[in-house]
Amino acid sequence: MKMLAYAAGIALALGASGAWAGEAYPLTTCPVSGAALTDGGVAKDYDGRDIRFCCDGCPASFEEDLEASLGKVDEAIIADQKTVYPIEACVVMNHDMDMETATWSVVGNRAFATCCGSCARKIEAEPAEFAAALDEAAIEEQGADYPLETCVVAGTNLSESPVEFVVAGRLMRTCCAGCKGKATADPASYLAALNEARN
């Protein structure tokens, strides 16, 4: 089982300000209607967290019980990202654990597995280091059998040194930083293409 090395790769998840800003909404459907999102959907920010809807009417319904609504989004994100989670260790304490009994939480639309609630709170307080460690592990875990030989955004052939980054726990490779920006800003359709290639 892989253990984490925190020192390397921490810059992977950091934004221009040096702080981890979380990820764009990674799901392909509206959390209210269940309809497929088109053209990026209607984006709303909830305390720095990006949630997307199929139309302008859905946010009001989502906000009627915001805590419960966010909880349902968290459940969907955890179910999705569990399938590609790159380690079998507490991301905070760096020790092996049973993933069936792990404490799962979502910060900035990214799922994290920890051994206890105390570790989950540490991630919530300072997510950058832990997100970067997961990114590093995902790149190592998924790199050898990456399913595409082309840029996930442009469809052009990848060079010998593609731009590598992680979204929703999945390694993505693009031909340039511009395509990376597109993939990270609105990842749902690119994640769908990547998942289809893996299946």
Protein backbone atom coordinates (compact mmCIF):
# COMPACT_ATOMS: atom_id res chain seq x y z
CA MET A 1 0.00 0.00 0.00
CA LYS A 2 1.26 3.43 -0.91
CA MET A 3 2.14 5.82 1.85
CA LEU A 4 2.21 9.56 1.23
CA ALA A 5 5.19 11.82 0.75
CA TYR A 6 4.02 15.31 1.62
CA ALA A 7 7.12 17.28 0.76
CA ALA A 8 7.04 16.82 -3.02
CA GLY A 9 4.35 18.12 -5.29
CA ILE A 10 2.55 20.41 -2.87
CA ALA A 11 2.46 23.17 -5.46
CA LEU A 12 0.24 21.02 -7.71
CA ALA A 13 -2.97 22.04 -5.97
CA LEU A 14 -2.12 25.64 -5.18
CA GLY A 15 -3.71 28.55 -6.99
CA ALA A 16 -2.01 31.77 -8.03
CA SER A 17 -2.49 33.18 -4.52
CA GLY A 18 -0.67 30.20 -3.00
CA ALA A 19 -3.87 28.92 -1.37
CA TRP A 20 -5.75 25.84 -2.52
CA ALA A 21 -8.99 27.15 -3.97
CA GLY A 22 -10.78 23.83 -4.32
CA GLU A 23 -12.11 22.44 -7.57
CA ALA A 24 -14.94 23.30 -9.93
CA TYR A 25 -18.16 21.29 -9.61
CA PRO A 26 -17.20 17.80 -10.84
CA LEU A 27 -20.63 16.20 -11.31
CA THR A 28 -22.43 16.00 -14.66
CA THR A 29 -25.95 16.57 -13.35
CA CYS A 30 -27.88 19.30 -11.56
CA PRO A 31 -28.17 18.52 -7.82
CA VAL A 32 -31.82 19.64 -7.82
CA SER A 33 -33.41 18.34 -11.03
CA GLY A 34 -30.95 15.61 -11.92
CA ALA A 35 -30.82 17.01 -15.47
CA ALA A 36 -27.56 16.87 -17.41
CA LEU A 37 -25.58 20.11 -17.25
CA THR A 38 -24.97 21.85 -20.56
CA ASP A 39 -22.48 24.61 -21.34
CA GLY A 40 -21.11 24.49 -17.80
CA GLY A 41 -24.49 24.99 -16.16
CA VAL A 42 -25.46 27.89 -13.91
CA ALA A 43 -22.68 28.36 -11.36
CA LYS A 44 -23.26 29.51 -7.79
CA ASP A 45 -20.70 30.01 -5.05
CA TYR A 46 -21.39 28.72 -1.53
CA ASP A 47 -18.66 29.94 0.85
CA GLY A 48 -16.06 29.46 -1.87
CA ARG A 49 -17.52 26.18 -3.12
CA ASP A 50 -18.65 25.90 -6.75
CA ILE A 51 -22.05 24.22 -7.32
CA ARG A 52 -23.71 24.12 -10.75
CA PHE A 53 -27.35 23.89 -11.79
CA CYS A 54 -29.28 23.26 -14.98
CA CYS A 55 -31.19 26.55 -14.81
CA ASP A 56 -31.64 29.79 -12.87
CA GLY A 57 -34.60 28.37 -10.95
CA CYS A 58 -32.80 25.47 -9.23
CA PRO A 59 -30.55 27.40 -6.79
CA ALA A 60 -33.57 28.64 -4.80
CA SER A 61 -34.75 25.06 -4.27
CA PHE A 62 -31.21 23.98 -3.36
CA GLU A 63 -31.01 26.76 -0.75
CA GLU A 64 -34.29 25.85 1.00
CA ASP A 65 -32.24 23.43 3.14
CA LEU A 66 -28.69 24.28 2.17
CA GLU A 67 -27.00 21.96 4.66
CA ALA A 68 -28.98 18.93 3.48
CA SER A 69 -28.50 19.88 -0.17
CA LEU A 70 -24.74 20.19 0.22
CA GLY A 71 -24.76 16.89 2.10
CA LYS A 72 -26.36 15.16 -0.90
CA VAL A 73 -23.75 16.67 -3.21
CA ASP A 74 -21.05 15.43 -0.83
CA GLU A 75 -22.49 11.89 -0.97
CA ALA A 76 -22.42 11.92 -4.77
CA ILE A 77 -18.86 13.28 -4.88
CA ILE A 78 -17.61 10.69 -2.36
CA ALA A 79 -19.30 7.83 -4.25
CA ASP A 80 -17.67 9.00 -7.48
CA GLN A 81 -14.19 9.74 -6.15
CA LYS A 82 -13.97 6.58 -4.00
CA THR A 83 -13.64 4.60 -7.22
CA VAL A 84 -10.32 6.30 -8.08
CA TYR A 85 -9.00 7.16 -4.61
CA PRO A 86 -5.23 6.63 -4.93
CA ILE A 87 -4.20 5.51 -1.43
CA GLU A 88 -5.32 3.22 1.39
CA ALA A 89 -4.04 5.42 4.17
CA CYS A 90 -5.25 8.33 6.28
CA VAL A 91 -4.22 11.36 4.25
CA VAL A 92 -3.42 13.25 7.48
CA MET A 93 -1.75 10.66 9.74
CA ASN A 94 -0.16 8.76 6.84
CA HIS A 95 -0.94 5.28 8.19
CA ASP A 96 -2.72 2.38 6.50
CA MET A 97 -6.42 2.01 7.21
CA ASP A 98 -9.49 0.04 6.19
CA MET A 99 -11.17 2.14 3.49
CA GLU A 100 -14.58 0.64 4.36
CA THR A 101 -14.45 2.20 7.84
CA ALA A 102 -12.72 5.46 6.81
CA THR A 103 -14.20 8.83 7.64
CA TRP A 104 -15.01 10.48 4.31
CA SER A 105 -15.40 14.23 3.91
CA VAL A 106 -15.56 16.74 1.07
CA VAL A 107 -13.62 20.01 1.00
CA GLY A 108 -13.70 22.19 -2.09
CA ASN A 109 -15.47 19.44 -4.10
CA ARG A 110 -12.62 16.97 -3.37
CA ALA A 111 -13.20 13.79 -1.35
CA PHE A 112 -10.75 12.94 1.44
CA ALA A 113 -10.50 9.73 3.49
CA THR A 114 -9.22 9.93 7.05
CA CYS A 115 -9.09 7.69 10.10
CA CYS A 116 -11.24 9.97 12.26
CA GLY A 117 -13.19 13.21 12.53
CA SER A 118 -10.24 15.02 14.05
CA CYS A 119 -8.17 14.40 10.92
CA ALA A 120 -11.09 15.46 8.73
CA ARG A 121 -11.20 18.78 10.61
CA LYS A 122 -7.47 19.28 9.96
CA ILE A 123 -8.12 18.95 6.23
CA GLU A 124 -10.99 21.43 6.39
CA ALA A 125 -8.75 23.94 8.18
CA GLU A 126 -5.71 23.54 5.87
CA PRO A 127 -6.60 21.58 2.70
CA ALA A 128 -3.70 22.59 0.43
CA GLU A 129 -1.08 20.15 1.70
CA PHE A 130 -3.47 17.20 1.76
CA ALA A 131 -4.95 17.92 -1.68
CA ALA A 132 -1.44 18.16 -3.13
CA ALA A 133 -0.43 14.86 -1.53
CA LEU A 134 -3.48 13.14 -3.05
CA ASP A 135 -2.71 14.70 -6.43
CA GLU A 136 0.83 13.34 -6.31
CA ALA A 137 -0.44 9.86 -5.41
CA ALA A 138 -3.10 9.94 -8.15
CA ILE A 139 -0.55 10.94 -10.81
CA GLU A 140 1.72 8.08 -9.75
CA GLU A 141 -1.13 5.56 -9.48
CA GLN A 142 -2.89 6.41 -12.76
CA GLY A 143 0.02 7.49 -14.95
CA ALA A 144 1.12 4.10 -16.23
CA ASP A 145 -2.26 3.12 -17.65
CA TYR A 146 -3.56 6.56 -18.66
CA PRO A 147 -6.16 5.75 -21.36
CA LEU A 148 -5.74 8.66 -23.79
CA GLU A 149 -2.94 9.48 -26.21
CA THR A 150 -4.53 12.82 -27.02
CA CYS A 151 -5.25 16.00 -25.08
CA VAL A 152 -8.48 15.50 -23.14
CA VAL A 153 -9.58 19.01 -24.20
CA ALA A 154 -8.22 19.69 -27.72
CA GLY A 155 -7.97 16.13 -28.96
CA THR A 156 -4.47 16.77 -30.33
CA ASN A 157 -1.61 14.31 -29.80
CA LEU A 158 0.15 14.70 -26.48
CA SER A 159 3.81 15.60 -26.44
CA GLU A 160 6.38 13.65 -24.45
CA SER A 161 5.89 16.19 -21.64
CA PRO A 162 2.15 16.82 -21.33
CA VAL A 163 0.66 19.05 -18.67
CA GLU A 164 -0.43 16.72 -15.83
CA PHE A 165 -2.92 17.62 -13.12
CA VAL A 166 -5.70 16.02 -11.08
CA VAL A 167 -9.41 16.82 -11.08
CA ALA A 168 -11.96 14.90 -8.98
CA GLY A 169 -9.24 12.41 -8.10
CA ARG A 170 -8.45 11.66 -11.74
CA LEU A 171 -5.23 12.28 -13.60
CA MET A 172 -5.74 14.44 -16.69
CA ARG A 173 -3.21 15.25 -19.39
CA THR A 174 -3.44 18.20 -21.74
CA CYS A 175 -1.24 19.59 -24.47
CA CYS A 176 -0.87 23.01 -22.87
CA ALA A 177 -1.69 25.20 -19.89
CA GLY A 178 -4.59 26.78 -21.79
CA CYS A 179 -6.32 23.42 -22.13
CA LYS A 180 -5.63 22.70 -18.47
CA GLY A 181 -7.44 25.94 -17.63
CA LYS A 182 -10.47 24.84 -19.63
CA ALA A 183 -10.53 21.40 -18.00
CA THR A 184 -10.24 22.73 -14.46
CA ALA A 185 -12.79 25.51 -14.99
CA ASP A 186 -15.53 23.18 -16.27
CA PRO A 187 -14.40 19.60 -15.71
CA ALA A 188 -17.63 17.60 -16.08
CA SER A 189 -17.52 16.91 -19.83
CA TYR A 190 -13.78 16.18 -19.78
CA LEU A 191 -14.18 13.83 -16.83
CA ALA A 192 -16.95 12.04 -18.73
CA ALA A 193 -14.66 11.58 -21.75
CA LEU A 194 -11.84 10.30 -19.53
CA ASN A 195 -14.14 7.88 -17.72
CA GLU A 196 -15.47 6.56 -21.02
CA ALA A 197 -11.93 5.95 -22.25
CA ARG A 198 -11.12 4.02 -19.06
CA ASN A 199 -14.18 1.74 -19.46
